[in-house]
Amino acid sequence: MPQKTLTGYAKMFRMLSDDTRLKIFSILNAKKMTATDILKELDITQPTLSYHLTTMCEVRILKAATKWKWTYYSIDRKGINKMIRFLDGAKEVSE
């Protein structure tokens, strides 16, 4: 597997290794939400949330869709499925 691909997977998994980002992922697992709605569920500032949302979108864990003046965030199923396929490819090793 090319190093660039491995680096991409490492970034995706690193995004989910943070408690706050994992909580954001869990919140968005139920439905699409705006940053304002997500912020109500967390004990963080708006700039901090913005940073997390941006970085999660960059590695395709989340996606953002703008409708009029609102941006709705949701889980990027293609990105998550890519992670699952990567993990599914792990061979079981007998001891």
C-alpha atoms as a PDB file:
ATOM      1  CA  MET A   1       0.000   0.000   0.000  1.00  0.00           C
ATOM      2  CA  PRO A   2       1.445   3.410  -0.926  1.00  0.00           C
ATOM      3  CA  GLN A   3       2.756   5.618   1.892  1.00  0.00           C
ATOM      4  CA  LYS A   4       0.362   8.406   0.871  1.00  0.00           C
ATOM      5  CA  THR A   5      -2.607   6.067   1.392  1.00  0.00           C
ATOM      6  CA  LEU A   6      -1.304   4.921   4.781  1.00  0.00           C
ATOM      7  CA  THR A   7      -0.782   8.536   5.823  1.00  0.00           C
ATOM      8  CA  GLY A   8      -4.390   9.292   4.870  1.00  0.00           C
ATOM      9  CA  TYR A   9      -5.687   6.429   7.016  1.00  0.00           C
ATOM     10  CA  ALA A  10      -3.480   7.533   9.907  1.00  0.00           C
ATOM     11  CA  LYS A  11      -5.000  11.027   9.740  1.00  0.00           C
ATOM     12  CA  MET A  12      -8.532   9.614   9.713  1.00  0.00           C
ATOM     13  CA  PHE A  13      -7.904   7.415  12.748  1.00  0.00           C
ATOM     14  CA  ARG A  14      -6.125  10.252  14.562  1.00  0.00           C
ATOM     15  CA  MET A  15      -9.215  12.425  14.101  1.00  0.00           C
ATOM     16  CA  LEU A  16     -11.308   9.857  15.961  1.00  0.00           C
ATOM     17  CA  SER A  17      -8.753   9.421  18.746  1.00  0.00           C
ATOM     18  CA  ASP A  18      -9.773  12.727  20.366  1.00  0.00           C
ATOM     19  CA  ASP A  19     -12.627  12.677  22.925  1.00  0.00           C
ATOM     20  CA  THR A  20     -14.273  15.824  21.573  1.00  0.00           C
ATOM     21  CA  ARG A  21     -14.146  14.708  17.948  1.00  0.00           C
ATOM     22  CA  LEU A  22     -15.457  11.281  18.918  1.00  0.00           C
ATOM     23  CA  LYS A  23     -18.324  12.996  20.737  1.00  0.00           C
ATOM     24  CA  ILE A  24     -19.057  15.140  17.644  1.00  0.00           C
ATOM     25  CA  PHE A  25     -19.061  11.972  15.532  1.00  0.00           C
ATOM     26  CA  SER A  26     -21.464  10.325  17.971  1.00  0.00           C
ATOM     27  CA  ILE A  27     -23.807  13.339  17.946  1.00  0.00           C
ATOM     28  CA  LEU A  28     -23.864  13.432  14.148  1.00  0.00           C
ATOM     29  CA  ASN A  29     -24.453   9.695  13.921  1.00  0.00           C
ATOM     30  CA  ALA A  30     -28.131  10.395  14.607  1.00  0.00           C
ATOM     31  CA  LYS A  31     -28.755  13.240  12.134  1.00  0.00           C
ATOM     32  CA  LYS A  32     -27.397  16.230  10.220  1.00  0.00           C
ATOM     33  CA  MET A  33     -26.888  19.293  12.394  1.00  0.00           C
ATOM     34  CA  THR A  34     -25.627  22.843  12.203  1.00  0.00           C
ATOM     35  CA  ALA A  35     -22.601  23.940  14.208  1.00  0.00           C
ATOM     36  CA  THR A  36     -24.939  25.916  16.474  1.00  0.00           C
ATOM     37  CA  ASP A  37     -26.905  22.763  17.286  1.00  0.00           C
ATOM     38  CA  ILE A  38     -23.752  20.713  17.839  1.00  0.00           C
ATOM     39  CA  LEU A  39     -22.347  23.416  20.118  1.00  0.00           C
ATOM     40  CA  LYS A  40     -25.388  23.082  22.415  1.00  0.00           C
ATOM     41  CA  GLU A  41     -24.362  19.468  23.048  1.00  0.00           C
ATOM     42  CA  LEU A  42     -20.748  20.229  23.956  1.00  0.00           C
ATOM     43  CA  ASP A  43     -18.854  22.221  26.547  1.00  0.00           C
ATOM     44  CA  ILE A  44     -16.451  23.931  24.118  1.00  0.00           C
ATOM     45  CA  THR A  45     -16.172  27.310  22.423  1.00  0.00           C
ATOM     46  CA  GLN A  46     -17.350  28.049  18.886  1.00  0.00           C
ATOM     47  CA  PRO A  47     -13.796  28.497  17.514  1.00  0.00           C
ATOM     48  CA  THR A  48     -12.803  25.130  18.992  1.00  0.00           C
ATOM     49  CA  LEU A  49     -15.824  23.456  17.421  1.00  0.00           C
ATOM     50  CA  SER A  50     -15.063  25.118  14.102  1.00  0.00           C
ATOM     51  CA  TYR A  51     -11.507  23.758  14.212  1.00  0.00           C
ATOM     52  CA  HIS A  52     -12.712  20.225  14.939  1.00  0.00           C
ATOM     53  CA  LEU A  53     -15.384  20.314  12.229  1.00  0.00           C
ATOM     54  CA  THR A  54     -12.927  21.640   9.654  1.00  0.00           C
ATOM     55  CA  THR A  55     -10.283  19.026  10.392  1.00  0.00           C
ATOM     56  CA  MET A  56     -12.852  16.213  10.400  1.00  0.00           C
ATOM     57  CA  CYS A  57     -14.164  17.368   7.019  1.00  0.00           C
ATOM     58  CA  GLU A  58     -10.633  17.568   5.593  1.00  0.00           C
ATOM     59  CA  VAL A  59     -10.037  13.858   6.242  1.00  0.00           C
ATOM     60  CA  ARG A  60     -13.542  12.907   5.073  1.00  0.00           C
ATOM     61  CA  ILE A  61     -14.969  11.769   8.390  1.00  0.00           C
ATOM     62  CA  LEU A  62     -17.595  14.505   8.130  1.00  0.00           C
ATOM     63  CA  LYS A  63     -19.069  16.430   5.243  1.00  0.00           C
ATOM     64  CA  ALA A  64     -20.582  19.891   5.152  1.00  0.00           C
ATOM     65  CA  ALA A  65     -23.509  20.989   3.011  1.00  0.00           C
ATOM     66  CA  THR A  66     -24.575  24.625   2.845  1.00  0.00           C
ATOM     67  CA  LYS A  67     -28.255  25.418   2.475  1.00  0.00           C
ATOM     68  CA  TRP A  68     -28.959  29.104   2.258  1.00  0.00           C
ATOM     69  CA  LYS A  69     -27.042  30.599   5.206  1.00  0.00           C
ATOM     70  CA  TRP A  70     -26.728  27.393   7.239  1.00  0.00           C
ATOM     71  CA  THR A  71     -24.072  24.722   6.997  1.00  0.00           C
ATOM     72  CA  TYR A  72     -25.215  21.251   7.946  1.00  0.00           C
ATOM     73  CA  TYR A  73     -22.678  18.678   9.067  1.00  0.00           C
ATOM     74  CA  SER A  74     -23.107  14.939   8.723  1.00  0.00           C
ATOM     75  CA  ILE A  75     -21.010  11.803   8.708  1.00  0.00           C
ATOM     76  CA  ASP A  76     -19.244  11.179   5.415  1.00  0.00           C
ATOM     77  CA  ARG A  77     -20.328   7.590   4.804  1.00  0.00           C
ATOM     78  CA  LYS A  78     -17.878   7.158   1.910  1.00  0.00           C
ATOM     79  CA  GLY A  79     -14.956   8.109   4.142  1.00  0.00           C
ATOM     80  CA  ILE A  80     -16.129   5.879   6.988  1.00  0.00           C
ATOM     81  CA  ASN A  81     -16.732   2.962   4.599  1.00  0.00           C
ATOM     82  CA  LYS A  82     -13.169   3.429   3.335  1.00  0.00           C
ATOM     83  CA  MET A  83     -11.899   3.058   6.915  1.00  0.00           C
ATOM     84  CA  ILE A  84     -14.039  -0.051   7.424  1.00  0.00           C
ATOM     85  CA  ARG A  85     -12.734  -1.648   4.216  1.00  0.00           C
ATOM     86  CA  PHE A  86      -9.184  -0.931   5.377  1.00  0.00           C
ATOM     87  CA  LEU A  87      -9.840  -2.624   8.732  1.00  0.00           C
ATOM     88  CA  ASP A  88     -11.683  -5.509   7.058  1.00  0.00           C
ATOM     89  CA  GLY A  89      -8.569  -6.145   5.014  1.00  0.00           C
ATOM     90  CA  ALA A  90      -6.611  -7.038   8.137  1.00  0.00           C
ATOM     91  CA  LYS A  91      -5.673 -10.701   8.072  1.00  0.00           C
ATOM     92  CA  GLU A  92      -6.319 -12.853  11.088  1.00  0.00           C
ATOM     93  CA  VAL A  93      -3.033 -14.258  12.284  1.00  0.00           C
ATOM     94  CA  SER A  94      -3.004 -17.610  14.012  1.00  0.00           C
ATOM     95  CA  GLU A  95      -0.794 -17.828  17.047  1.00  0.00           C
END
